[in-house]
Amino acid sequence: MTAVAEQLTLPQRPLILGIAGCSGSGKTTLARELTGQLAATLLPLDFYYRCLGHLPPGERALQNFDHPDSLEHALLAKHIEDLAQGSSIQRPIYDFTTHTRVPNRTETIVPAPVLIVEGILALHYPELRALYDFSIYVNAPNEICLNRRIYRDVRERGRTEESVRAQFEATAKPMADLYVVPSAQHATVTVEGTDALDWSVEQVLQRLHRSGLAH
């Protein structure tokens, strides 16, 4: 087999996108829509929260889940690299009601032509940013982010509105100001989380096309 033929048979490295923004900004909605449009694999940072099973249940909810140290970002970086090299991964499954990883269970994620990494701190960690071909920051006002977070956490995570508001003021907003908002400077493009979803998707796809990353 010639060198050219060998190159043609090698698996092509996937296009890797990073999407960040404050909790409730609309980044997850955008990520899911782009996942469908681009036939991508979605890797949310939320699955990579550190397991707090070693702590008493009463102490787990008191941890700062908005600080960069709360996520096992080195494992996520390794998983992204494995997928980029054509290998499947065993992704953790996180239980938000107990703040623990589901024991003895993972989800098999197989390589795909496009990989989307999404989370509030997706543009914070240098080792993750180094893996992206393109990155997006979703901007939204604090009040909208809080209202969306209340709706999600009460409905999906068994929280009370009071606890969500308290956590927002105690850790979510201060950590966003320290780590999430400054990460916007690393984005290839910034979209507004208050805009129509279709328009945000269109802006991203246009930039991908102009950059020669999508056809």
N, C-alpha and C. Protein backbone atom coordinates (compact mmCIF):
# COMPACT_ATOMS: atom_id res chain seq x y z
N MET A 1 0.85 -1.20 0.00
CA MET A 1 0.00 0.00 0.00
C MET A 1 0.88 1.24 0.00
N THR A 2 0.57 2.19 -0.88
CA THR A 2 1.37 3.41 -0.95
C THR A 2 1.10 4.30 0.24
N ALA A 3 2.02 5.28 0.44
CA ALA A 3 1.85 6.22 1.56
C ALA A 3 0.55 7.01 1.42
N VAL A 4 0.22 7.39 0.18
CA VAL A 4 -1.02 8.16 -0.05
C VAL A 4 -2.23 7.31 0.31
N ALA A 5 -2.22 6.04 -0.12
CA ALA A 5 -3.33 5.14 0.18
C ALA A 5 -3.47 4.94 1.69
N GLU A 6 -2.34 4.84 2.37
CA GLU A 6 -2.39 4.66 3.82
C GLU A 6 -3.02 5.87 4.49
N GLN A 7 -2.68 7.06 4.00
CA GLN A 7 -3.26 8.28 4.57
C GLN A 7 -4.77 8.32 4.36
N LEU A 8 -5.20 7.85 3.21
CA LEU A 8 -6.63 7.88 2.91
C LEU A 8 -7.42 6.92 3.79
N THR A 9 -6.78 5.86 4.26
CA THR A 9 -7.51 4.88 5.07
C THR A 9 -7.47 5.20 6.56
N LEU A 10 -6.62 6.16 6.95
CA LEU A 10 -6.58 6.53 8.36
C LEU A 10 -7.85 7.26 8.76
N PRO A 11 -8.36 7.02 9.97
CA PRO A 11 -9.57 7.74 10.39
C PRO A 11 -9.29 9.23 10.52
N GLN A 12 -10.23 10.04 10.07
CA GLN A 12 -10.05 11.49 10.12
C GLN A 12 -10.35 11.98 11.53
N ARG A 13 -9.52 12.90 12.00
CA ARG A 13 -9.75 13.47 13.32
C ARG A 13 -11.06 14.24 13.32
N PRO A 14 -11.87 14.09 14.38
CA PRO A 14 -13.15 14.80 14.40
C PRO A 14 -12.98 16.30 14.58
N LEU A 15 -13.99 17.04 14.18
CA LEU A 15 -14.09 18.46 14.47
C LEU A 15 -14.55 18.58 15.93
N ILE A 16 -13.81 19.33 16.74
CA ILE A 16 -14.12 19.43 18.16
C ILE A 16 -14.52 20.87 18.50
N LEU A 17 -15.74 21.01 19.03
CA LEU A 17 -16.28 22.31 19.40
C LEU A 17 -16.42 22.39 20.91
N GLY A 18 -16.13 23.57 21.48
CA GLY A 18 -16.37 23.82 22.90
C GLY A 18 -17.44 24.88 23.05
N ILE A 19 -18.41 24.64 23.94
CA ILE A 19 -19.49 25.61 24.17
C ILE A 19 -19.58 25.91 25.66
N ALA A 20 -19.46 27.20 26.02
CA ALA A 20 -19.52 27.60 27.42
C ALA A 20 -20.49 28.75 27.60
N GLY A 21 -20.75 29.07 28.86
CA GLY A 21 -21.65 30.16 29.22
C GLY A 21 -22.13 29.91 30.63
N CYS A 22 -22.67 30.91 31.26
CA CYS A 22 -23.15 30.75 32.64
C CYS A 22 -24.31 29.76 32.70
N SER A 23 -24.50 29.18 33.87
CA SER A 23 -25.62 28.26 34.07
C SER A 23 -26.93 28.99 33.79
N GLY A 24 -27.74 28.43 32.87
CA GLY A 24 -29.00 29.06 32.50
C GLY A 24 -28.89 30.01 31.32
N SER A 25 -27.71 30.10 30.72
CA SER A 25 -27.52 31.03 29.60
C SER A 25 -28.17 30.53 28.31
N GLY A 26 -28.39 29.23 28.22
CA GLY A 26 -28.92 28.65 26.99
C GLY A 26 -27.90 27.82 26.23
N LYS A 27 -26.72 27.63 26.85
CA LYS A 27 -25.65 26.90 26.16
C LYS A 27 -26.01 25.45 25.91
N THR A 28 -26.71 24.80 26.87
CA THR A 28 -27.07 23.39 26.68
C THR A 28 -28.07 23.23 25.55
N THR A 29 -29.05 24.14 25.48
CA THR A 29 -30.03 24.11 24.40
C THR A 29 -29.34 24.28 23.05
N LEU A 30 -28.41 25.22 22.97
CA LEU A 30 -27.65 25.44 21.73
C LEU A 30 -26.82 24.21 21.40
N ALA A 31 -26.17 23.64 22.41
CA ALA A 31 -25.32 22.46 22.18
C ALA A 31 -26.14 21.29 21.64
N ARG A 32 -27.32 21.09 22.21
CA ARG A 32 -28.17 19.98 21.75
C ARG A 32 -28.65 20.20 20.32
N GLU A 33 -28.99 21.45 19.99
CA GLU A 33 -29.44 21.74 18.63
C GLU A 33 -28.30 21.54 17.62
N LEU A 34 -27.11 22.02 17.97
CA LEU A 34 -25.96 21.83 17.08
C LEU A 34 -25.59 20.35 16.96
N THR A 35 -25.77 19.60 18.05
CA THR A 35 -25.51 18.16 18.01
C THR A 35 -26.38 17.49 16.95
N GLY A 36 -27.65 17.90 16.89
CA GLY A 36 -28.55 17.35 15.87
C GLY A 36 -28.19 17.82 14.47
N GLN A 37 -27.89 19.10 14.34
CA GLN A 37 -27.60 19.67 13.01
C GLN A 37 -26.32 19.10 12.42
N LEU A 38 -25.33 18.83 13.28
CA LEU A 38 -24.01 18.39 12.80
C LEU A 38 -23.79 16.89 12.96
N ALA A 39 -24.83 16.17 13.40
CA ALA A 39 -24.72 14.72 13.66
C ALA A 39 -23.53 14.45 14.58
N ALA A 40 -23.47 15.22 15.65
CA ALA A 40 -22.32 15.20 16.55
C ALA A 40 -22.55 14.29 17.76
N THR A 41 -21.47 14.03 18.49
CA THR A 41 -21.53 13.43 19.82
C THR A 41 -21.38 14.55 20.83
N LEU A 42 -22.27 14.57 21.84
CA LEU A 42 -22.26 15.62 22.85
C LEU A 42 -21.63 15.10 24.14
N LEU A 43 -20.64 15.84 24.65
CA LEU A 43 -19.98 15.48 25.90
C LEU A 43 -20.20 16.62 26.91
N PRO A 44 -21.23 16.53 27.76
CA PRO A 44 -21.43 17.58 28.78
C PRO A 44 -20.44 17.45 29.93
N LEU A 45 -19.92 18.58 30.38
CA LEU A 45 -19.03 18.56 31.54
C LEU A 45 -19.74 18.05 32.78
N ASP A 46 -21.07 18.19 32.84
CA ASP A 46 -21.83 17.79 34.03
C ASP A 46 -21.59 16.34 34.43
N PHE A 47 -21.28 15.48 33.49
CA PHE A 47 -21.06 14.07 33.81
C PHE A 47 -19.72 13.86 34.52
N TYR A 48 -18.88 14.89 34.51
CA TYR A 48 -17.52 14.75 35.05
C TYR A 48 -17.35 15.42 36.42
N TYR A 49 -18.47 15.70 37.09
CA TYR A 49 -18.36 16.15 38.48
C TYR A 49 -17.70 15.05 39.31
N ARG A 50 -16.87 15.46 40.25
CA ARG A 50 -16.22 14.49 41.13
C ARG A 50 -17.26 13.83 42.02
N CYS A 51 -17.09 12.54 42.25
CA CYS A 51 -18.01 11.79 43.11
C CYS A 51 -17.80 12.21 44.56
N LEU A 52 -18.90 12.52 45.24
CA LEU A 52 -18.83 12.95 46.64
C LEU A 52 -19.31 11.85 47.59
N GLY A 53 -19.25 10.62 47.12
CA GLY A 53 -19.72 9.49 47.93
C GLY A 53 -18.97 9.33 49.24
N HIS A 54 -17.77 9.90 49.36
CA HIS A 54 -16.99 9.78 50.59
C HIS A 54 -17.47 10.74 51.67
N LEU A 55 -18.36 11.68 51.29
CA LEU A 55 -18.88 12.65 52.25
C LEU A 55 -20.26 12.23 52.76
N PRO A 56 -20.63 12.58 54.00
CA PRO A 56 -22.00 12.34 54.47
C PRO A 56 -22.98 13.10 53.57
N PRO A 57 -24.18 12.52 53.33
CA PRO A 57 -25.14 13.16 52.42
C PRO A 57 -25.42 14.62 52.76
N GLY A 58 -25.45 14.96 54.02
CA GLY A 58 -25.74 16.34 54.41
C GLY A 58 -24.67 17.32 54.00
N GLU A 59 -23.45 16.84 53.86
CA GLU A 59 -22.33 17.72 53.48
C GLU A 59 -22.19 17.89 51.97
N ARG A 60 -22.71 16.93 51.22
CA ARG A 60 -22.50 16.95 49.76
C ARG A 60 -23.10 18.19 49.12
N ALA A 61 -24.33 18.51 49.53
CA ALA A 61 -25.03 19.63 48.90
C ALA A 61 -24.39 20.97 49.24
N LEU A 62 -23.50 20.99 50.24
CA LEU A 62 -22.87 22.23 50.67
C LEU A 62 -21.59 22.53 49.89
N GLN A 63 -21.19 21.61 49.02
CA GLN A 63 -19.95 21.79 48.25
C GLN A 63 -20.15 22.85 47.16
N ASN A 64 -19.05 23.44 46.72
CA ASN A 64 -19.09 24.47 45.68
C ASN A 64 -19.00 23.80 44.31
N PHE A 65 -20.15 23.57 43.68
CA PHE A 65 -20.20 22.86 42.40
C PHE A 65 -19.88 23.77 41.21
N ASP A 66 -19.67 25.05 41.48
CA ASP A 66 -19.37 26.00 40.41
C ASP A 66 -17.89 26.35 40.33
N HIS A 67 -17.09 25.76 41.22
CA HIS A 67 -15.64 26.00 41.21
C HIS A 67 -14.98 25.02 40.24
N PRO A 68 -13.92 25.44 39.55
CA PRO A 68 -13.25 24.54 38.60
C PRO A 68 -12.78 23.22 39.20
N ASP A 69 -12.45 23.22 40.50
CA ASP A 69 -11.97 21.99 41.13
C ASP A 69 -13.05 20.93 41.31
N SER A 70 -14.33 21.32 41.11
CA SER A 70 -15.42 20.36 41.31
C SER A 70 -15.53 19.36 40.16
N LEU A 71 -14.83 19.63 39.06
CA LEU A 71 -14.91 18.78 37.88
C LEU A 71 -13.60 18.04 37.65
N GLU A 72 -13.71 16.78 37.22
CA GLU A 72 -12.52 15.99 36.90
C GLU A 72 -12.14 16.26 35.45
N HIS A 73 -11.61 17.46 35.22
CA HIS A 73 -11.37 17.93 33.86
C HIS A 73 -10.24 17.18 33.18
N ALA A 74 -9.29 16.63 33.96
CA ALA A 74 -8.21 15.86 33.35
C ALA A 74 -8.75 14.59 32.70
N LEU A 75 -9.73 13.96 33.34
CA LEU A 75 -10.36 12.76 32.76
C LEU A 75 -11.11 13.13 31.49
N LEU A 76 -11.82 14.26 31.51
CA LEU A 76 -12.53 14.69 30.31
C LEU A 76 -11.56 14.96 29.17
N ALA A 77 -10.44 15.62 29.47
CA ALA A 77 -9.44 15.89 28.42
C ALA A 77 -8.93 14.59 27.82
N LYS A 78 -8.67 13.60 28.67
CA LYS A 78 -8.21 12.30 28.17
C LYS A 78 -9.27 11.65 27.29
N HIS A 79 -10.54 11.73 27.70
CA HIS A 79 -11.62 11.14 26.92
C HIS A 79 -11.76 11.82 25.56
N ILE A 80 -11.61 13.15 25.53
CA ILE A 80 -11.67 13.86 24.25
C ILE A 80 -10.53 13.40 23.34
N GLU A 81 -9.34 13.28 23.91
CA GLU A 81 -8.19 12.83 23.12
C GLU A 81 -8.41 11.40 22.60
N ASP A 82 -8.96 10.53 23.44
CA ASP A 82 -9.24 9.16 23.01
C ASP A 82 -10.22 9.14 21.84
N LEU A 83 -11.29 9.92 21.95
CA LEU A 83 -12.29 9.97 20.87
C LEU A 83 -11.66 10.56 19.60
N ALA A 84 -10.81 11.57 19.77
CA ALA A 84 -10.16 12.18 18.61
C ALA A 84 -9.25 11.20 17.88
N GLN A 85 -8.73 10.23 18.64
CA GLN A 85 -7.84 9.22 18.05
C GLN A 85 -8.60 7.98 17.57
N GLY A 86 -9.93 8.03 17.65
CA GLY A 86 -10.74 6.93 17.12
C GLY A 86 -11.09 5.85 18.11
N SER A 87 -10.84 6.09 19.40
CA SER A 87 -11.14 5.08 20.42
C SER A 87 -12.44 5.43 21.15
N SER A 88 -13.22 4.43 21.51
CA SER A 88 -14.41 4.64 22.33
C SER A 88 -14.00 4.93 23.77
N ILE A 89 -14.91 5.54 24.53
CA ILE A 89 -14.65 5.83 25.95
C ILE A 89 -15.80 5.29 26.81
N GLN A 90 -15.52 5.15 28.09
CA GLN A 90 -16.55 4.81 29.06
C GLN A 90 -16.81 6.06 29.91
N ARG A 91 -17.86 6.77 29.57
CA ARG A 91 -18.16 8.04 30.23
C ARG A 91 -18.88 7.81 31.57
N PRO A 92 -18.48 8.54 32.62
CA PRO A 92 -19.17 8.39 33.90
C PRO A 92 -20.64 8.79 33.79
N ILE A 93 -21.44 8.28 34.71
CA ILE A 93 -22.85 8.67 34.83
C ILE A 93 -23.00 9.32 36.20
N TYR A 94 -23.45 10.57 36.23
CA TYR A 94 -23.52 11.32 37.48
C TYR A 94 -24.96 11.47 37.93
N ASP A 95 -25.19 11.26 39.23
CA ASP A 95 -26.52 11.38 39.82
C ASP A 95 -26.57 12.68 40.62
N PHE A 96 -27.29 13.66 40.10
CA PHE A 96 -27.34 14.97 40.74
C PHE A 96 -28.12 14.96 42.06
N THR A 97 -29.00 13.99 42.23
CA THR A 97 -29.78 13.95 43.46
C THR A 97 -28.95 13.49 44.64
N THR A 98 -27.90 12.69 44.39
CA THR A 98 -27.03 12.20 45.48
C THR A 98 -25.62 12.78 45.41
N HIS A 99 -25.33 13.53 44.32
CA HIS A 99 -24.00 14.12 44.11
C HIS A 99 -22.91 13.04 44.05
N THR A 100 -23.25 11.93 43.43
CA THR A 100 -22.30 10.83 43.30
C THR A 100 -22.37 10.28 41.87
N ARG A 101 -21.31 9.58 41.49
CA ARG A 101 -21.34 8.84 40.23
C ARG A 101 -22.06 7.52 40.48
N VAL A 102 -22.84 7.11 39.50
CA VAL A 102 -23.54 5.83 39.61
C VAL A 102 -22.48 4.73 39.63
N PRO A 103 -22.44 3.93 40.70
CA PRO A 103 -21.38 2.93 40.82
C PRO A 103 -21.50 1.81 39.79
N ASN A 104 -20.36 1.38 39.29
CA ASN A 104 -20.27 0.23 38.39
C ASN A 104 -21.06 0.41 37.10
N ARG A 105 -21.31 1.67 36.73
CA ARG A 105 -22.02 1.91 35.47
C ARG A 105 -21.37 3.06 34.73
N THR A 106 -21.20 2.89 33.43
CA THR A 106 -20.71 3.95 32.56
C THR A 106 -21.51 3.90 31.27
N GLU A 107 -21.33 4.90 30.43
CA GLU A 107 -21.97 4.88 29.11
C GLU A 107 -20.89 4.86 28.05
N THR A 108 -21.01 3.94 27.11
CA THR A 108 -20.03 3.85 26.03
C THR A 108 -20.30 4.94 25.00
N ILE A 109 -19.30 5.74 24.73
CA ILE A 109 -19.39 6.80 23.73
C ILE A 109 -18.42 6.45 22.61
N VAL A 110 -18.95 6.41 21.39
CA VAL A 110 -18.11 6.03 20.25
C VAL A 110 -17.70 7.28 19.47
N PRO A 111 -16.58 7.22 18.75
CA PRO A 111 -16.12 8.38 17.98
C PRO A 111 -17.14 8.80 16.93
N ALA A 112 -17.16 10.09 16.63
CA ALA A 112 -18.06 10.65 15.62
C ALA A 112 -17.31 11.74 14.87
N PRO A 113 -17.78 12.13 13.69
CA PRO A 113 -17.08 13.16 12.91
C PRO A 113 -17.02 14.52 13.62
N VAL A 114 -18.01 14.79 14.50
CA VAL A 114 -18.03 16.05 15.25
C VAL A 114 -18.24 15.74 16.72
N LEU A 115 -17.47 16.40 17.57
CA LEU A 115 -17.57 16.22 19.01
C LEU A 115 -17.83 17.59 19.63
N ILE A 116 -18.88 17.69 20.45
CA ILE A 116 -19.22 18.96 21.10
C ILE A 116 -19.06 18.80 22.60
N VAL A 117 -18.22 19.65 23.19
CA VAL A 117 -17.97 19.66 24.64
C VAL A 117 -18.70 20.86 25.22
N GLU A 118 -19.58 20.63 26.19
CA GLU A 118 -20.45 21.71 26.67
C GLU A 118 -20.48 21.77 28.18
N GLY A 119 -20.37 22.99 28.73
CA GLY A 119 -20.47 23.18 30.17
C GLY A 119 -20.07 24.58 30.56
N ILE A 120 -20.39 24.97 31.80
CA ILE A 120 -20.12 26.34 32.21
C ILE A 120 -18.62 26.65 32.14
N LEU A 121 -17.79 25.65 32.38
CA LEU A 121 -16.34 25.87 32.43
C LEU A 121 -15.62 25.27 31.22
N ALA A 122 -16.35 25.03 30.14
CA ALA A 122 -15.75 24.38 28.97
C ALA A 122 -14.62 25.20 28.36
N LEU A 123 -14.63 26.53 28.56
CA LEU A 123 -13.57 27.38 28.00
C LEU A 123 -12.61 27.86 29.08
N HIS A 124 -12.74 27.33 30.30
CA HIS A 124 -11.86 27.77 31.38
C HIS A 124 -10.54 27.02 31.39
N TYR A 125 -10.59 25.69 31.25
CA TYR A 125 -9.38 24.88 31.42
C TYR A 125 -8.49 24.93 30.17
N PRO A 126 -7.23 25.33 30.31
CA PRO A 126 -6.34 25.41 29.15
C PRO A 126 -6.20 24.08 28.41
N GLU A 127 -6.17 22.95 29.16
CA GLU A 127 -5.98 21.66 28.50
C GLU A 127 -7.18 21.27 27.65
N LEU A 128 -8.37 21.79 27.98
CA LEU A 128 -9.53 21.55 27.12
C LEU A 128 -9.51 22.49 25.92
N ARG A 129 -9.22 23.77 26.17
CA ARG A 129 -9.18 24.74 25.06
C ARG A 129 -8.21 24.32 23.98
N ALA A 130 -7.11 23.68 24.37
CA ALA A 130 -6.10 23.26 23.40
C ALA A 130 -6.62 22.21 22.43
N LEU A 131 -7.72 21.54 22.81
CA LEU A 131 -8.26 20.46 21.98
C LEU A 131 -9.34 20.94 21.00
N TYR A 132 -9.84 22.16 21.20
CA TYR A 132 -10.95 22.64 20.38
C TYR A 132 -10.46 23.20 19.04
N ASP A 133 -11.26 22.96 18.01
CA ASP A 133 -11.04 23.60 16.72
C ASP A 133 -11.82 24.91 16.62
N PHE A 134 -12.87 25.03 17.44
CA PHE A 134 -13.79 26.16 17.36
C PHE A 134 -14.51 26.24 18.70
N SER A 135 -14.77 27.45 19.18
CA SER A 135 -15.43 27.56 20.48
C SER A 135 -16.48 28.66 20.49
N ILE A 136 -17.49 28.47 21.34
CA ILE A 136 -18.66 29.34 21.38
C ILE A 136 -18.93 29.73 22.83
N TYR A 137 -19.21 31.01 23.07
CA TYR A 137 -19.64 31.47 24.38
C TYR A 137 -21.06 31.99 24.25
N VAL A 138 -21.94 31.55 25.15
CA VAL A 138 -23.34 31.98 25.15
C VAL A 138 -23.52 32.98 26.28
N ASN A 139 -23.87 34.19 25.93
CA ASN A 139 -24.02 35.28 26.90
C ASN A 139 -25.50 35.48 27.26
N ALA A 140 -25.79 35.78 28.53
CA ALA A 140 -27.16 36.06 28.96
C ALA A 140 -27.14 36.81 30.28
N PRO A 141 -28.13 37.68 30.54
CA PRO A 141 -28.19 38.44 31.80
C PRO A 141 -28.40 37.51 33.00
N ASN A 142 -27.91 37.95 34.17
CA ASN A 142 -28.00 37.14 35.38
C ASN A 142 -29.43 36.72 35.72
N GLU A 143 -30.38 37.65 35.61
CA GLU A 143 -31.75 37.36 36.02
C GLU A 143 -32.35 36.24 35.17
N ILE A 144 -32.07 36.26 33.89
CA ILE A 144 -32.56 35.21 33.00
C ILE A 144 -31.90 33.87 33.34
N CYS A 145 -30.59 33.93 33.60
CA CYS A 145 -29.88 32.69 33.98
C CYS A 145 -30.47 32.10 35.25
N LEU A 146 -30.74 32.93 36.25
CA LEU A 146 -31.30 32.45 37.51
C LEU A 146 -32.67 31.83 37.30
N ASN A 147 -33.53 32.49 36.56
CA ASN A 147 -34.88 31.97 36.34
C ASN A 147 -34.86 30.63 35.62
N ARG A 148 -33.99 30.51 34.64
CA ARG A 148 -33.87 29.24 33.90
C ARG A 148 -33.31 28.15 34.80
N ARG A 149 -32.36 28.53 35.66
CA ARG A 149 -31.75 27.55 36.58
C ARG A 149 -32.78 27.05 37.59
N ILE A 150 -33.62 27.94 38.10
CA ILE A 150 -34.69 27.53 39.02
C ILE A 150 -35.62 26.53 38.34
N TYR A 151 -36.04 26.86 37.13
CA TYR A 151 -36.96 25.99 36.40
C TYR A 151 -36.35 24.61 36.20
N ARG A 152 -35.08 24.56 35.80
CA ARG A 152 -34.42 23.27 35.54
C ARG A 152 -34.21 22.47 36.82
N ASP A 153 -33.65 23.11 37.84
CA ASP A 153 -33.26 22.36 39.04
C ASP A 153 -34.46 21.87 39.84
N VAL A 154 -35.54 22.64 39.86
CA VAL A 154 -36.75 22.20 40.57
C VAL A 154 -37.39 21.04 39.82
N ARG A 155 -37.41 21.15 38.50
CA ARG A 155 -38.09 20.13 37.69
C ARG A 155 -37.26 18.86 37.53
N GLU A 156 -35.92 19.01 37.32
CA GLU A 156 -35.10 17.87 36.94
C GLU A 156 -34.22 17.34 38.07
N ARG A 157 -33.93 18.15 39.08
CA ARG A 157 -32.94 17.74 40.07
C ARG A 157 -33.48 17.71 41.50
N GLY A 158 -34.80 17.82 41.64
CA GLY A 158 -35.41 17.66 42.95
C GLY A 158 -35.09 18.76 43.94
N ARG A 159 -34.78 19.96 43.46
CA ARG A 159 -34.40 21.06 44.33
C ARG A 159 -35.61 21.94 44.64
N THR A 160 -35.49 22.78 45.67
CA THR A 160 -36.50 23.79 45.95
C THR A 160 -36.04 25.11 45.37
N GLU A 161 -36.99 26.01 45.08
CA GLU A 161 -36.62 27.31 44.54
C GLU A 161 -35.71 28.07 45.50
N GLU A 162 -36.01 27.97 46.80
CA GLU A 162 -35.21 28.67 47.80
C GLU A 162 -33.75 28.20 47.78
N SER A 163 -33.55 26.88 47.67
CA SER A 163 -32.19 26.35 47.68
C SER A 163 -31.43 26.76 46.42
N VAL A 164 -32.14 26.83 45.29
CA VAL A 164 -31.50 27.24 44.04
C VAL A 164 -31.07 28.71 44.12
N ARG A 165 -31.96 29.56 44.66
CA ARG A 165 -31.63 30.98 44.80
C ARG A 165 -30.44 31.17 45.75
N ALA A 166 -30.45 30.42 46.86
CA ALA A 166 -29.37 30.54 47.83
C ALA A 166 -28.04 30.12 47.22
N GLN A 167 -28.04 29.01 46.47
CA GLN A 167 -26.81 28.55 45.85
C GLN A 167 -26.33 29.53 44.77
N PHE A 168 -27.27 30.12 44.06
CA PHE A 168 -26.92 31.08 43.01
C PHE A 168 -26.15 32.26 43.61
N GLU A 169 -26.67 32.79 44.73
CA GLU A 169 -26.03 33.95 45.36
C GLU A 169 -24.72 33.57 46.05
N ALA A 170 -24.68 32.36 46.65
CA ALA A 170 -23.51 31.96 47.43
C ALA A 170 -22.34 31.53 46.56
N THR A 171 -22.61 30.77 45.51
CA THR A 171 -21.50 30.22 44.71
C THR A 171 -21.64 30.42 43.21
N ALA A 172 -22.84 30.21 42.65
CA ALA A 172 -22.97 30.22 41.19
C ALA A 172 -22.57 31.56 40.58
N LYS A 173 -23.13 32.65 41.10
CA LYS A 173 -22.80 33.96 40.52
C LYS A 173 -21.37 34.37 40.83
N PRO A 174 -20.89 34.26 42.08
CA PRO A 174 -19.49 34.62 42.32
C PRO A 174 -18.50 33.82 41.48
N MET A 175 -18.73 32.51 41.34
CA MET A 175 -17.82 31.68 40.55
C MET A 175 -17.92 32.02 39.06
N ALA A 176 -19.14 32.35 38.60
CA ALA A 176 -19.31 32.75 37.21
C ALA A 176 -18.52 34.02 36.92
N ASP A 177 -18.58 34.98 37.87
CA ASP A 177 -17.85 36.23 37.70
C ASP A 177 -16.33 35.99 37.67
N LEU A 178 -15.88 35.00 38.45
CA LEU A 178 -14.45 34.72 38.55
C LEU A 178 -13.92 33.89 37.39
N TYR A 179 -14.71 32.88 36.97
CA TYR A 179 -14.17 31.87 36.05
C TYR A 179 -14.90 31.76 34.71
N VAL A 180 -16.23 31.90 34.73
CA VAL A 180 -16.99 31.64 33.50
C VAL A 180 -16.97 32.85 32.57
N VAL A 181 -17.38 34.02 33.09
CA VAL A 181 -17.45 35.22 32.26
C VAL A 181 -16.08 35.55 31.65
N PRO A 182 -14.98 35.49 32.42
CA PRO A 182 -13.67 35.78 31.79
C PRO A 182 -13.29 34.81 30.67
N SER A 183 -13.85 33.59 30.70
CA SER A 183 -13.49 32.60 29.67
C SER A 183 -14.06 32.96 28.31
N ALA A 184 -14.99 33.93 28.27
CA ALA A 184 -15.57 34.35 26.99
C ALA A 184 -14.50 34.87 26.03
N GLN A 185 -13.40 35.39 26.59
CA GLN A 185 -12.34 35.93 25.73
C GLN A 185 -11.71 34.86 24.84
N HIS A 186 -11.89 33.59 25.21
CA HIS A 186 -11.28 32.51 24.44
C HIS A 186 -12.20 31.98 23.32
N ALA A 187 -13.42 32.51 23.24
CA ALA A 187 -14.39 31.98 22.28
C ALA A 187 -14.10 32.48 20.87
N THR A 188 -14.32 31.60 19.91
CA THR A 188 -14.24 32.00 18.51
C THR A 188 -15.39 32.93 18.17
N VAL A 189 -16.56 32.65 18.73
CA VAL A 189 -17.75 33.46 18.48
C VAL A 189 -18.59 33.51 19.76
N THR A 190 -19.21 34.67 20.01
CA THR A 190 -20.14 34.83 21.13
C THR A 190 -21.54 35.04 20.58
N VAL A 191 -22.51 34.30 21.12
CA VAL A 191 -23.90 34.48 20.73
C VAL A 191 -24.70 34.86 21.98
N GLU A 192 -25.86 35.44 21.76
CA GLU A 192 -26.70 35.88 22.87
C GLU A 192 -27.74 34.81 23.21
N GLY A 193 -27.76 34.41 24.48
CA GLY A 193 -28.70 33.39 24.92
C GLY A 193 -30.14 33.85 24.93
N THR A 194 -30.36 35.15 24.73
CA THR A 194 -31.73 35.69 24.66
C THR A 194 -32.23 35.76 23.22
N ASP A 195 -31.34 35.52 22.26
CA ASP A 195 -31.77 35.51 20.85
C ASP A 195 -32.52 34.22 20.53
N ALA A 196 -33.23 34.24 19.42
CA ALA A 196 -33.90 33.02 18.95
C ALA A 196 -32.85 31.93 18.70
N LEU A 197 -33.19 30.71 19.08
CA LEU A 197 -32.26 29.59 18.93
C LEU A 197 -31.81 29.43 17.48
N ASP A 198 -32.75 29.56 16.55
CA ASP A 198 -32.41 29.40 15.13
C ASP A 198 -31.34 30.40 14.69
N TRP A 199 -31.43 31.63 15.21
CA TRP A 199 -30.47 32.66 14.83
C TRP A 199 -29.09 32.34 15.41
N SER A 200 -29.04 31.87 16.66
CA SER A 200 -27.75 31.50 17.25
C SER A 200 -27.11 30.36 16.48
N VAL A 201 -27.90 29.36 16.12
CA VAL A 201 -27.39 28.23 15.33
C VAL A 201 -26.86 28.72 13.99
N GLU A 202 -27.61 29.62 13.35
CA GLU A 202 -27.21 30.14 12.05
C GLU A 202 -25.88 30.88 12.14
N GLN A 203 -25.70 31.68 13.21
CA GLN A 203 -24.44 32.41 13.39
C GLN A 203 -23.26 31.45 13.51
N VAL A 204 -23.45 30.39 14.29
CA VAL A 204 -22.37 29.41 14.49
C VAL A 204 -22.05 28.69 13.19
N LEU A 205 -23.09 28.24 12.48
CA LEU A 205 -22.86 27.50 11.24
C LEU A 205 -22.19 28.38 10.19
N GLN A 206 -22.59 29.66 10.13
CA GLN A 206 -21.95 30.57 9.17
C GLN A 206 -20.46 30.72 9.47
N ARG A 207 -20.11 30.87 10.76
CA ARG A 207 -18.70 31.01 11.12
C ARG A 207 -17.92 29.73 10.84
N LEU A 208 -18.54 28.59 11.09
CA LEU A 208 -17.89 27.31 10.78
C LEU A 208 -17.61 27.19 9.29
N HIS A 209 -18.57 27.59 8.48
CA HIS A 209 -18.40 27.53 7.02
C HIS A 209 -17.29 28.49 6.58
N ARG A 210 -17.31 29.70 7.12
CA ARG A 210 -16.31 30.69 6.72
C ARG A 210 -14.91 30.27 7.16
N SER A 211 -14.85 29.52 8.25
CA SER A 211 -13.56 29.04 8.74
C SER A 211 -13.09 27.77 8.02
N GLY A 212 -13.93 27.26 7.13
CA GLY A 212 -13.58 26.05 6.41
C GLY A 212 -13.69 24.78 7.24
N LEU A 213 -14.43 24.87 8.36
CA LEU A 213 -14.56 23.72 9.27
C LEU A 213 -15.83 22.92 9.01
N ALA A 214 -16.75 23.44 8.23
CA ALA A 214 -18.00 22.74 7.91
C ALA A 214 -18.32 22.98 6.45
N HIS A 215 -19.00 22.01 5.87
CA HIS A 215 -19.31 22.09 4.42
C HIS A 215 -20.81 21.96 4.21
